All heavy atoms as atom14 arrays in JSON, in Angstrom:
{
  "sequence": "TVLGRRAEILGVEIKRGFPLTSLDQTEEGVIVHTEDRSFQGQWLV",
  "atom14_mask": [
    [1, 1, 1, 1, 1, 1, 1, 0, 0, 0, 0, 0, 0, 0],
    [1, 1, 1, 1, 1, 1, 1, 0, 0, 0, 0, 0, 0, 0],
    [1, 1, 1, 1, 1, 1, 1, 1, 0, 0, 0, 0, 0, 0],
    [1, 1, 1, 1, 0, 0, 0, 0, 0, 0, 0, 0, 0, 0],
    [1, 1, 1, 1, 1, 1, 1, 1, 1, 1, 1, 0, 0, 0],
    [1, 1, 1, 1, 1, 1, 1, 1, 1, 1, 1, 0, 0, 0],
    [1, 1, 1, 1, 1, 0, 0, 0, 0, 0, 0, 0, 0, 0],
    [1, 1, 1, 1, 1, 1, 1, 1, 1, 0, 0, 0, 0, 0],
    [1, 1, 1, 1, 1, 1, 1, 1, 0, 0, 0, 0, 0, 0],
    [1, 1, 1, 1, 1, 1, 1, 1, 0, 0, 0, 0, 0, 0],
    [1, 1, 1, 1, 0, 0, 0, 0, 0, 0, 0, 0, 0, 0],
    [1, 1, 1, 1, 1, 1, 1, 0, 0, 0, 0, 0, 0, 0],
    [1, 1, 1, 1, 1, 1, 1, 1, 1, 0, 0, 0, 0, 0],
    [1, 1, 1, 1, 1, 1, 1, 1, 0, 0, 0, 0, 0, 0],
    [1, 1, 1, 1, 1, 1, 1, 1, 1, 0, 0, 0, 0, 0],
    [1, 1, 1, 1, 1, 1, 1, 1, 1, 1, 1, 0, 0, 0],
    [1, 1, 1, 1, 0, 0, 0, 0, 0, 0, 0, 0, 0, 0],
    [1, 1, 1, 1, 1, 1, 1, 1, 1, 1, 1, 0, 0, 0],
    [1, 1, 1, 1, 1, 1, 1, 0, 0, 0, 0, 0, 0, 0],
    [1, 1, 1, 1, 1, 1, 1, 1, 0, 0, 0, 0, 0, 0],
    [1, 1, 1, 1, 1, 1, 1, 0, 0, 0, 0, 0, 0, 0],
    [1, 1, 1, 1, 1, 1, 0, 0, 0, 0, 0, 0, 0, 0],
    [1, 1, 1, 1, 1, 1, 1, 1, 0, 0, 0, 0, 0, 0],
    [1, 1, 1, 1, 1, 1, 1, 1, 0, 0, 0, 0, 0, 0],
    [1, 1, 1, 1, 1, 1, 1, 1, 1, 0, 0, 0, 0, 0],
    [1, 1, 1, 1, 1, 1, 1, 0, 0, 0, 0, 0, 0, 0],
    [1, 1, 1, 1, 1, 1, 1, 1, 1, 0, 0, 0, 0, 0],
    [1, 1, 1, 1, 1, 1, 1, 1, 1, 0, 0, 0, 0, 0],
    [1, 1, 1, 1, 0, 0, 0, 0, 0, 0, 0, 0, 0, 0],
    [1, 1, 1, 1, 1, 1, 1, 0, 0, 0, 0, 0, 0, 0],
    [1, 1, 1, 1, 1, 1, 1, 1, 0, 0, 0, 0, 0, 0],
    [1, 1, 1, 1, 1, 1, 1, 0, 0, 0, 0, 0, 0, 0],
    [1, 1, 1, 1, 1, 1, 1, 1, 1, 1, 0, 0, 0, 0],
    [1, 1, 1, 1, 1, 1, 1, 0, 0, 0, 0, 0, 0, 0],
    [1, 1, 1, 1, 1, 1, 1, 1, 1, 0, 0, 0, 0, 0],
    [1, 1, 1, 1, 1, 1, 1, 1, 0, 0, 0, 0, 0, 0],
    [1, 1, 1, 1, 1, 1, 1, 1, 1, 1, 1, 0, 0, 0],
    [1, 1, 1, 1, 1, 1, 0, 0, 0, 0, 0, 0, 0, 0],
    [1, 1, 1, 1, 1, 1, 1, 1, 1, 1, 1, 0, 0, 0],
    [1, 1, 1, 1, 1, 1, 1, 1, 1, 0, 0, 0, 0, 0],
    [1, 1, 1, 1, 0, 0, 0, 0, 0, 0, 0, 0, 0, 0],
    [1, 1, 1, 1, 1, 1, 1, 1, 1, 0, 0, 0, 0, 0],
    [1, 1, 1, 1, 1, 1, 1, 1, 1, 1, 1, 1, 1, 1],
    [1, 1, 1, 1, 1, 1, 1, 1, 0, 0, 0, 0, 0, 0],
    [1, 1, 1, 1, 1, 1, 1, 0, 0, 0, 0, 0, 0, 0]
  ],
  "atom14_positions": [
    [[87.25, 120.53, 104.25], [85.95, 121.18, 104.07], [85.53, 121.17, 102.61], [84.4, 120.82, 102.26], [86.0, 122.63, 104.6], [86.29, 122.61, 106.0], [84.68, 123.34, 104.37], [0.0, 0.0, 0.0], [0.0, 0.0, 0.0], [0.0, 0.0, 0.0], [0.0, 0.0, 0.0], [0.0, 0.0, 0.0], [0.0, 0.0, 0.0], [0.0, 0.0, 0.0]],
    [[86.44, 121.56, 101.73], [86.14, 121.62, 100.3], [85.85, 120.23, 99.74], [84.87, 120.02, 99.01], [87.32, 122.28, 99.54], [87.18, 122.09, 98.03], [87.4, 123.76, 99.88], [0.0, 0.0, 0.0], [0.0, 0.0, 0.0], [0.0, 0.0, 0.0], [0.0, 0.0, 0.0], [0.0, 0.0, 0.0], [0.0, 0.0, 0.0], [0.0, 0.0, 0.0]],
    [[86.69, 119.27, 100.1], [86.49, 117.91, 99.58], [85.27, 117.24, 100.19], [84.55, 116.5, 99.5], [87.74, 117.08, 99.85], [88.97, 117.48, 99.03], [90.22, 116.76, 99.54], [88.77, 117.17, 97.55], [0.0, 0.0, 0.0], [0.0, 0.0, 0.0], [0.0, 0.0, 0.0], [0.0, 0.0, 0.0], [0.0, 0.0, 0.0], [0.0, 0.0, 0.0]],
    [[85.01, 117.5, 101.47], [83.83, 116.93, 102.11], [82.55, 117.45, 101.48], [81.6, 116.69, 101.26], [0.0, 0.0, 0.0], [0.0, 0.0, 0.0], [0.0, 0.0, 0.0], [0.0, 0.0, 0.0], [0.0, 0.0, 0.0], [0.0, 0.0, 0.0], [0.0, 0.0, 0.0], [0.0, 0.0, 0.0], [0.0, 0.0, 0.0], [0.0, 0.0, 0.0]],
    [[82.54, 118.74, 101.18], [81.36, 119.33, 100.53], [81.14, 118.71, 99.15], [80.01, 118.36, 98.79], [81.55, 120.84, 100.43], [80.36, 121.59, 99.82], [80.49, 123.08, 100.07], [81.72, 123.62, 99.53], [82.63, 124.3, 100.25], [82.45, 124.48, 101.54], [83.71, 124.79, 99.67], [0.0, 0.0, 0.0], [0.0, 0.0, 0.0], [0.0, 0.0, 0.0]],
    [[82.21, 118.56, 98.37], [82.07, 117.95, 97.04], [81.62, 116.49, 97.16], [80.77, 116.04, 96.38], [83.4, 118.04, 96.29], [83.42, 117.33, 94.93], [82.43, 117.91, 93.93], [82.72, 119.29, 93.61], [83.58, 119.68, 92.66], [84.21, 118.76, 91.92], [83.77, 120.95, 92.42], [0.0, 0.0, 0.0], [0.0, 0.0, 0.0], [0.0, 0.0, 0.0]],
    [[82.18, 115.76, 98.1], [81.8, 114.35, 98.27], [80.31, 114.2, 98.56], [79.63, 113.34, 97.99], [82.63, 113.72, 99.39], [0.0, 0.0, 0.0], [0.0, 0.0, 0.0], [0.0, 0.0, 0.0], [0.0, 0.0, 0.0], [0.0, 0.0, 0.0], [0.0, 0.0, 0.0], [0.0, 0.0, 0.0], [0.0, 0.0, 0.0], [0.0, 0.0, 0.0]],
    [[79.79, 115.05, 99.43], [78.37, 114.96, 99.76], [77.5, 115.34, 98.57], [76.44, 114.73, 98.34], [78.08, 115.86, 100.97], [78.69, 115.32, 102.26], [78.49, 116.24, 103.45], [78.03, 117.39, 103.24], [78.75, 115.81, 104.58], [0.0, 0.0, 0.0], [0.0, 0.0, 0.0], [0.0, 0.0, 0.0], [0.0, 0.0, 0.0], [0.0, 0.0, 0.0]],
    [[77.92, 116.32, 97.77], [77.18, 116.68, 96.56], [77.1, 115.5, 95.6], [76.08, 115.26, 94.95], [77.84, 117.9, 95.87], [77.62, 119.16, 96.72], [77.28, 118.1, 94.47], [78.41, 120.36, 96.23], [0.0, 0.0, 0.0], [0.0, 0.0, 0.0], [0.0, 0.0, 0.0], [0.0, 0.0, 0.0], [0.0, 0.0, 0.0], [0.0, 0.0, 0.0]],
    [[78.19, 114.73, 95.54], [78.26, 113.58, 94.64], [77.58, 112.34, 95.2], [77.54, 111.3, 94.54], [79.72, 113.27, 94.3], [80.43, 114.3, 93.43], [81.93, 114.01, 93.36], [79.84, 114.33, 92.03], [0.0, 0.0, 0.0], [0.0, 0.0, 0.0], [0.0, 0.0, 0.0], [0.0, 0.0, 0.0], [0.0, 0.0, 0.0], [0.0, 0.0, 0.0]],
    [[77.07, 112.42, 96.43], [76.32, 111.31, 97.0], [77.11, 110.36, 97.87], [76.62, 109.28, 98.23], [0.0, 0.0, 0.0], [0.0, 0.0, 0.0], [0.0, 0.0, 0.0], [0.0, 0.0, 0.0], [0.0, 0.0, 0.0], [0.0, 0.0, 0.0], [0.0, 0.0, 0.0], [0.0, 0.0, 0.0], [0.0, 0.0, 0.0], [0.0, 0.0, 0.0]],
    [[78.32, 110.75, 98.27], [79.11, 109.92, 99.17], [78.5, 109.95, 100.56], [78.12, 111.01, 101.07], [80.57, 110.41, 99.22], [81.37, 109.63, 100.27], [81.21, 110.3, 97.85], [0.0, 0.0, 0.0], [0.0, 0.0, 0.0], [0.0, 0.0, 0.0], [0.0, 0.0, 0.0], [0.0, 0.0, 0.0], [0.0, 0.0, 0.0], [0.0, 0.0, 0.0]],
    [[78.41, 108.8, 101.19], [77.91, 108.71, 102.56], [79.09, 108.73, 103.52], [80.02, 107.92, 103.39], [77.1, 107.41, 102.74], [76.4, 107.3, 104.09], [75.55, 106.06, 104.2], [75.34, 105.37, 103.16], [75.09, 105.75, 105.32], [0.0, 0.0, 0.0], [0.0, 0.0, 0.0], [0.0, 0.0, 0.0], [0.0, 0.0, 0.0], [0.0, 0.0, 0.0]],
    [[79.09, 109.65, 104.47], [80.18, 109.8, 105.43], [79.64, 109.56, 106.83], [78.72, 110.24, 107.27], [80.82, 111.2, 105.35], [81.3, 111.5, 103.93], [81.98, 111.32, 106.34], [81.82, 112.91, 103.74], [0.0, 0.0, 0.0], [0.0, 0.0, 0.0], [0.0, 0.0, 0.0], [0.0, 0.0, 0.0], [0.0, 0.0, 0.0], [0.0, 0.0, 0.0]],
    [[80.21, 108.59, 107.52], [79.83, 108.28, 108.9], [81.02, 108.58, 109.81], [82.08, 107.96, 109.66], [79.4, 106.82, 109.04], [78.1, 106.49, 108.32], [77.67, 105.07, 108.6], [76.35, 104.74, 107.9], [75.23, 105.51, 108.48], [0.0, 0.0, 0.0], [0.0, 0.0, 0.0], [0.0, 0.0, 0.0], [0.0, 0.0, 0.0], [0.0, 0.0, 0.0]],
    [[80.85, 109.52, 110.71], [81.91, 109.9, 111.64], [81.66, 109.25, 113.0], [80.52, 109.03, 113.4], [81.99, 111.42, 111.77], [82.31, 112.1, 110.42], [82.52, 113.59, 110.56], [82.73, 114.22, 109.26], [83.9, 114.29, 108.65], [84.98, 113.78, 109.25], [84.01, 114.88, 107.47], [0.0, 0.0, 0.0], [0.0, 0.0, 0.0], [0.0, 0.0, 0.0]],
    [[82.76, 108.97, 113.72], [82.66, 108.27, 114.98], [82.5, 106.77, 114.79], [81.92, 106.09, 115.64], [0.0, 0.0, 0.0], [0.0, 0.0, 0.0], [0.0, 0.0, 0.0], [0.0, 0.0, 0.0], [0.0, 0.0, 0.0], [0.0, 0.0, 0.0], [0.0, 0.0, 0.0], [0.0, 0.0, 0.0], [0.0, 0.0, 0.0], [0.0, 0.0, 0.0]],
    [[83.02, 106.25, 113.68], [82.93, 104.82, 113.37], [84.33, 104.25, 113.14], [84.76, 104.07, 112.0], [82.06, 104.6, 112.13], [80.59, 104.7, 112.37], [79.98, 105.95, 112.5], [79.8, 103.57, 112.47], [78.63, 106.06, 112.72], [78.43, 103.67, 112.69], [77.84, 104.92, 112.82], [0.0, 0.0, 0.0], [0.0, 0.0, 0.0], [0.0, 0.0, 0.0]],
    [[85.07, 103.97, 114.2], [86.41, 103.4, 114.02], [86.35, 101.94, 113.57], [85.62, 101.13, 114.14], [87.04, 103.51, 115.41], [85.87, 103.48, 116.35], [84.74, 104.18, 115.63], [0.0, 0.0, 0.0], [0.0, 0.0, 0.0], [0.0, 0.0, 0.0], [0.0, 0.0, 0.0], [0.0, 0.0, 0.0], [0.0, 0.0, 0.0], [0.0, 0.0, 0.0]],
    [[87.1, 101.63, 112.54], [87.17, 100.25, 112.06], [87.92, 99.4, 113.08], [88.99, 99.79, 113.55], [87.86, 100.23, 110.7], [87.92, 98.91, 109.95], [87.92, 99.17, 108.44], [89.17, 98.12, 110.31], [0.0, 0.0, 0.0], [0.0, 0.0, 0.0], [0.0, 0.0, 0.0], [0.0, 0.0, 0.0], [0.0, 0.0, 0.0], [0.0, 0.0, 0.0]],
    [[87.37, 98.24, 113.41], [88.01, 97.36, 114.4], [88.51, 96.06, 113.79], [89.53, 95.53, 114.21], [87.03, 97.05, 115.55], [85.84, 96.45, 115.01], [86.66, 98.32, 116.31], [0.0, 0.0, 0.0], [0.0, 0.0, 0.0], [0.0, 0.0, 0.0], [0.0, 0.0, 0.0], [0.0, 0.0, 0.0], [0.0, 0.0, 0.0], [0.0, 0.0, 0.0]],
    [[87.79, 95.54, 112.81], [88.2, 94.28, 112.18], [87.52, 94.18, 110.82], [86.66, 95.0, 110.48], [87.84, 93.08, 113.05], [86.43, 92.99, 113.23], [0.0, 0.0, 0.0], [0.0, 0.0, 0.0], [0.0, 0.0, 0.0], [0.0, 0.0, 0.0], [0.0, 0.0, 0.0], [0.0, 0.0, 0.0], [0.0, 0.0, 0.0], [0.0, 0.0, 0.0]],
    [[87.91, 93.17, 110.06], [87.3, 92.96, 108.75], [87.38, 91.5, 108.36], [88.19, 90.74, 108.87], [88.0, 93.84, 107.7], [89.51, 93.64, 107.47], [89.77, 92.55, 106.43], [90.14, 94.94, 107.01], [0.0, 0.0, 0.0], [0.0, 0.0, 0.0], [0.0, 0.0, 0.0], [0.0, 0.0, 0.0], [0.0, 0.0, 0.0], [0.0, 0.0, 0.0]],
    [[86.5, 91.13, 107.45], [86.49, 89.79, 106.86], [86.49, 89.96, 105.34], [85.65, 90.68, 104.79], [85.25, 89.0, 107.29], [85.21, 88.79, 108.8], [86.17, 88.24, 109.35], [84.21, 89.22, 109.41], [0.0, 0.0, 0.0], [0.0, 0.0, 0.0], [0.0, 0.0, 0.0], [0.0, 0.0, 0.0], [0.0, 0.0, 0.0], [0.0, 0.0, 0.0]],
    [[87.42, 89.3, 104.67], [87.51, 89.4, 103.22], [87.1, 88.09, 102.58], [87.5, 87.01, 103.02], [88.93, 89.77, 102.78], [89.07, 89.89, 101.28], [90.44, 90.37, 100.82], [90.62, 90.69, 99.66], [91.41, 90.42, 101.71], [0.0, 0.0, 0.0], [0.0, 0.0, 0.0], [0.0, 0.0, 0.0], [0.0, 0.0, 0.0], [0.0, 0.0, 0.0]],
    [[86.29, 88.19, 101.52], [85.91, 87.03, 100.73], [86.27, 87.3, 99.28], [86.79, 88.36, 98.94], [84.38, 86.79, 100.83], [83.7, 87.86, 100.17], [83.93, 86.73, 102.29], [0.0, 0.0, 0.0], [0.0, 0.0, 0.0], [0.0, 0.0, 0.0], [0.0, 0.0, 0.0], [0.0, 0.0, 0.0], [0.0, 0.0, 0.0], [0.0, 0.0, 0.0]],
    [[85.99, 86.35, 98.4], [86.26, 86.55, 96.98], [85.35, 87.62, 96.39], [85.69, 88.26, 95.41], [86.09, 85.24, 96.22], [87.16, 84.2, 96.54], [87.02, 82.96, 95.67], [86.1, 82.95, 94.81], [87.81, 82.02, 95.84], [0.0, 0.0, 0.0], [0.0, 0.0, 0.0], [0.0, 0.0, 0.0], [0.0, 0.0, 0.0], [0.0, 0.0, 0.0]],
    [[84.19, 87.82, 97.0], [83.2, 88.76, 96.46], [83.3, 90.15, 97.07], [82.77, 91.11, 96.5], [81.78, 88.23, 96.68], [81.42, 87.01, 95.85], [82.07, 85.74, 96.39], [82.26, 85.67, 97.63], [82.37, 84.84, 95.59], [0.0, 0.0, 0.0], [0.0, 0.0, 0.0], [0.0, 0.0, 0.0], [0.0, 0.0, 0.0], [0.0, 0.0, 0.0]],
    [[83.94, 90.29, 98.23], [83.95, 91.59, 98.86], [84.58, 91.58, 100.23], [85.28, 90.64, 100.62], [0.0, 0.0, 0.0], [0.0, 0.0, 0.0], [0.0, 0.0, 0.0], [0.0, 0.0, 0.0], [0.0, 0.0, 0.0], [0.0, 0.0, 0.0], [0.0, 0.0, 0.0], [0.0, 0.0, 0.0], [0.0, 0.0, 0.0], [0.0, 0.0, 0.0]],
    [[84.3, 92.65, 100.98], [84.87, 92.84, 102.32], [83.77, 93.26, 103.27], [82.96, 94.14, 102.94], [85.97, 93.92, 102.3], [86.6, 94.05, 103.68], [87.03, 93.6, 101.26], [0.0, 0.0, 0.0], [0.0, 0.0, 0.0], [0.0, 0.0, 0.0], [0.0, 0.0, 0.0], [0.0, 0.0, 0.0], [0.0, 0.0, 0.0], [0.0, 0.0, 0.0]],
    [[83.73, 92.64, 104.44], [82.81, 93.05, 105.5], [83.65, 93.77, 106.56], [84.62, 93.22, 107.09], [82.08, 91.85, 106.12], [81.28, 91.11, 105.06], [81.16, 92.33, 107.25], [80.66, 89.82, 105.55], [0.0, 0.0, 0.0], [0.0, 0.0, 0.0], [0.0, 0.0, 0.0], [0.0, 0.0, 0.0], [0.0, 0.0, 0.0], [0.0, 0.0, 0.0]],
    [[83.27, 95.0, 106.84], [84.02, 95.85, 107.76], [83.22, 95.97, 109.06], [82.03, 96.27, 109.04], [84.24, 97.24, 107.14], [84.84, 98.19, 108.17], [85.14, 97.13, 105.92], [0.0, 0.0, 0.0], [0.0, 0.0, 0.0], [0.0, 0.0, 0.0], [0.0, 0.0, 0.0], [0.0, 0.0, 0.0], [0.0, 0.0, 0.0], [0.0, 0.0, 0.0]],
    [[83.91, 95.76, 110.18], [83.26, 95.84, 111.48], [83.76, 97.06, 112.25], [84.98, 97.31, 112.32], [83.55, 94.58, 112.3], [83.21, 93.3, 111.58], [81.92, 92.96, 111.24], [84.01, 92.3, 111.12], [81.92, 91.79, 110.62], [83.18, 91.37, 110.53], [0.0, 0.0, 0.0], [0.0, 0.0, 0.0], [0.0, 0.0, 0.0], [0.0, 0.0, 0.0]],
    [[82.83, 97.81, 112.79], [83.17, 98.88, 113.73], [82.8, 98.37, 115.11], [82.6, 97.18, 115.31], [82.43, 100.18, 113.37], [81.02, 99.99, 113.48], [82.78, 100.62, 111.95], [0.0, 0.0, 0.0], [0.0, 0.0, 0.0], [0.0, 0.0, 0.0], [0.0, 0.0, 0.0], [0.0, 0.0, 0.0], [0.0, 0.0, 0.0], [0.0, 0.0, 0.0]],
    [[82.68, 99.26, 116.09], [82.44, 98.79, 117.47], [81.1, 98.08, 117.61], [80.98, 97.11, 118.37], [82.53, 99.98, 118.42], [83.95, 100.54, 118.52], [84.02, 101.79, 119.38], [82.95, 102.4, 119.62], [85.13, 102.16, 119.8], [0.0, 0.0, 0.0], [0.0, 0.0, 0.0], [0.0, 0.0, 0.0], [0.0, 0.0, 0.0], [0.0, 0.0, 0.0]],
    [[80.07, 98.54, 116.9], [78.76, 97.89, 117.04], [77.99, 97.78, 115.73], [76.8, 97.49, 115.73], [77.9, 98.64, 118.07], [77.7, 100.1, 117.69], [78.24, 100.51, 116.65], [77.01, 100.81, 118.44], [0.0, 0.0, 0.0], [0.0, 0.0, 0.0], [0.0, 0.0, 0.0], [0.0, 0.0, 0.0], [0.0, 0.0, 0.0], [0.0, 0.0, 0.0]],
    [[78.66, 98.01, 114.61], [78.0, 97.92, 113.31], [78.89, 97.17, 112.34], [80.11, 97.07, 112.53], [77.73, 99.33, 112.73], [76.83, 100.22, 113.57], [75.37, 100.07, 113.26], [75.02, 100.37, 111.88], [74.65, 101.56, 111.42], [74.65, 102.63, 112.22], [74.28, 101.71, 110.16], [0.0, 0.0, 0.0], [0.0, 0.0, 0.0], [0.0, 0.0, 0.0]],
    [[78.28, 96.68, 111.27], [79.02, 96.04, 110.18], [78.54, 96.61, 108.86], [77.36, 96.94, 108.71], [78.82, 94.52, 110.19], [79.36, 93.94, 111.37], [0.0, 0.0, 0.0], [0.0, 0.0, 0.0], [0.0, 0.0, 0.0], [0.0, 0.0, 0.0], [0.0, 0.0, 0.0], [0.0, 0.0, 0.0], [0.0, 0.0, 0.0], [0.0, 0.0, 0.0]],
    [[79.48, 96.71, 107.91], [79.17, 97.26, 106.6], [79.85, 96.4, 105.55], [80.96, 95.9, 105.75], [79.67, 98.7, 106.49], [79.13, 99.62, 107.56], [79.82, 99.78, 108.75], [77.93, 100.3, 107.37], [79.33, 100.62, 109.74], [77.43, 101.14, 108.36], [78.13, 101.3, 109.54], [0.0, 0.0, 0.0], [0.0, 0.0, 0.0], [0.0, 0.0, 0.0]],
    [[79.19, 96.25, 104.42], [79.7, 95.37, 103.38], [79.97, 96.16, 102.11], [79.16, 96.98, 101.67], [78.7, 94.26, 103.08], [79.25, 93.18, 102.13], [78.34, 91.97, 102.05], [77.32, 91.91, 102.74], [78.7, 91.03, 101.21], [0.0, 0.0, 0.0], [0.0, 0.0, 0.0], [0.0, 0.0, 0.0], [0.0, 0.0, 0.0], [0.0, 0.0, 0.0]],
    [[81.11, 95.9, 101.51], [81.47, 96.55, 100.26], [82.17, 95.57, 99.33], [82.71, 94.56, 99.76], [0.0, 0.0, 0.0], [0.0, 0.0, 0.0], [0.0, 0.0, 0.0], [0.0, 0.0, 0.0], [0.0, 0.0, 0.0], [0.0, 0.0, 0.0], [0.0, 0.0, 0.0], [0.0, 0.0, 0.0], [0.0, 0.0, 0.0], [0.0, 0.0, 0.0]],
    [[82.16, 95.9, 98.04], [82.92, 95.08, 97.11], [84.42, 95.27, 97.31], [85.19, 94.34, 97.14], [82.57, 95.48, 95.66], [81.16, 95.15, 95.23], [80.97, 95.42, 93.74], [81.74, 94.95, 92.91], [79.95, 96.2, 93.41], [0.0, 0.0, 0.0], [0.0, 0.0, 0.0], [0.0, 0.0, 0.0], [0.0, 0.0, 0.0], [0.0, 0.0, 0.0]],
    [[84.8, 96.51, 97.69], [86.2, 96.84, 97.89], [86.34, 97.69, 99.14], [85.42, 98.41, 99.52], [86.76, 97.61, 96.69], [86.77, 96.82, 95.42], [85.72, 96.66, 94.54], [87.86, 96.08, 94.88], [86.09, 95.86, 93.51], [87.41, 95.49, 93.67], [89.18, 95.86, 95.29], [88.23, 94.69, 92.89], [90.0, 95.07, 94.49], [89.53, 94.5, 93.31]],
    [[87.52, 97.62, 99.76], [87.86, 98.45, 100.91], [89.18, 99.14, 100.62], [90.14, 98.51, 100.18], [87.99, 97.6, 102.18], [88.59, 98.28, 103.42], [87.68, 99.39, 103.93], [88.87, 97.24, 104.52], [0.0, 0.0, 0.0], [0.0, 0.0, 0.0], [0.0, 0.0, 0.0], [0.0, 0.0, 0.0], [0.0, 0.0, 0.0], [0.0, 0.0, 0.0]],
    [[89.23, 100.46, 100.88], [90.48, 101.2, 100.72], [90.83, 101.85, 102.05], [90.04, 102.61, 102.62], [90.37, 102.29, 99.63], [91.74, 102.94, 99.42], [89.87, 101.7, 98.32], [0.0, 0.0, 0.0], [0.0, 0.0, 0.0], [0.0, 0.0, 0.0], [0.0, 0.0, 0.0], [0.0, 0.0, 0.0], [0.0, 0.0, 0.0], [0.0, 0.0, 0.0]]
  ]
}
């Protein structure tokens, strides 16, 4: 609760109900796939 509140204040976007299913990595970044959506980032942790 405490960390989630701070994260939202700092502008972190939190999506719940989005289980990661697969990913594709390139030299420039990572594309993350959930059940029906895809998201792109420079890094994945």
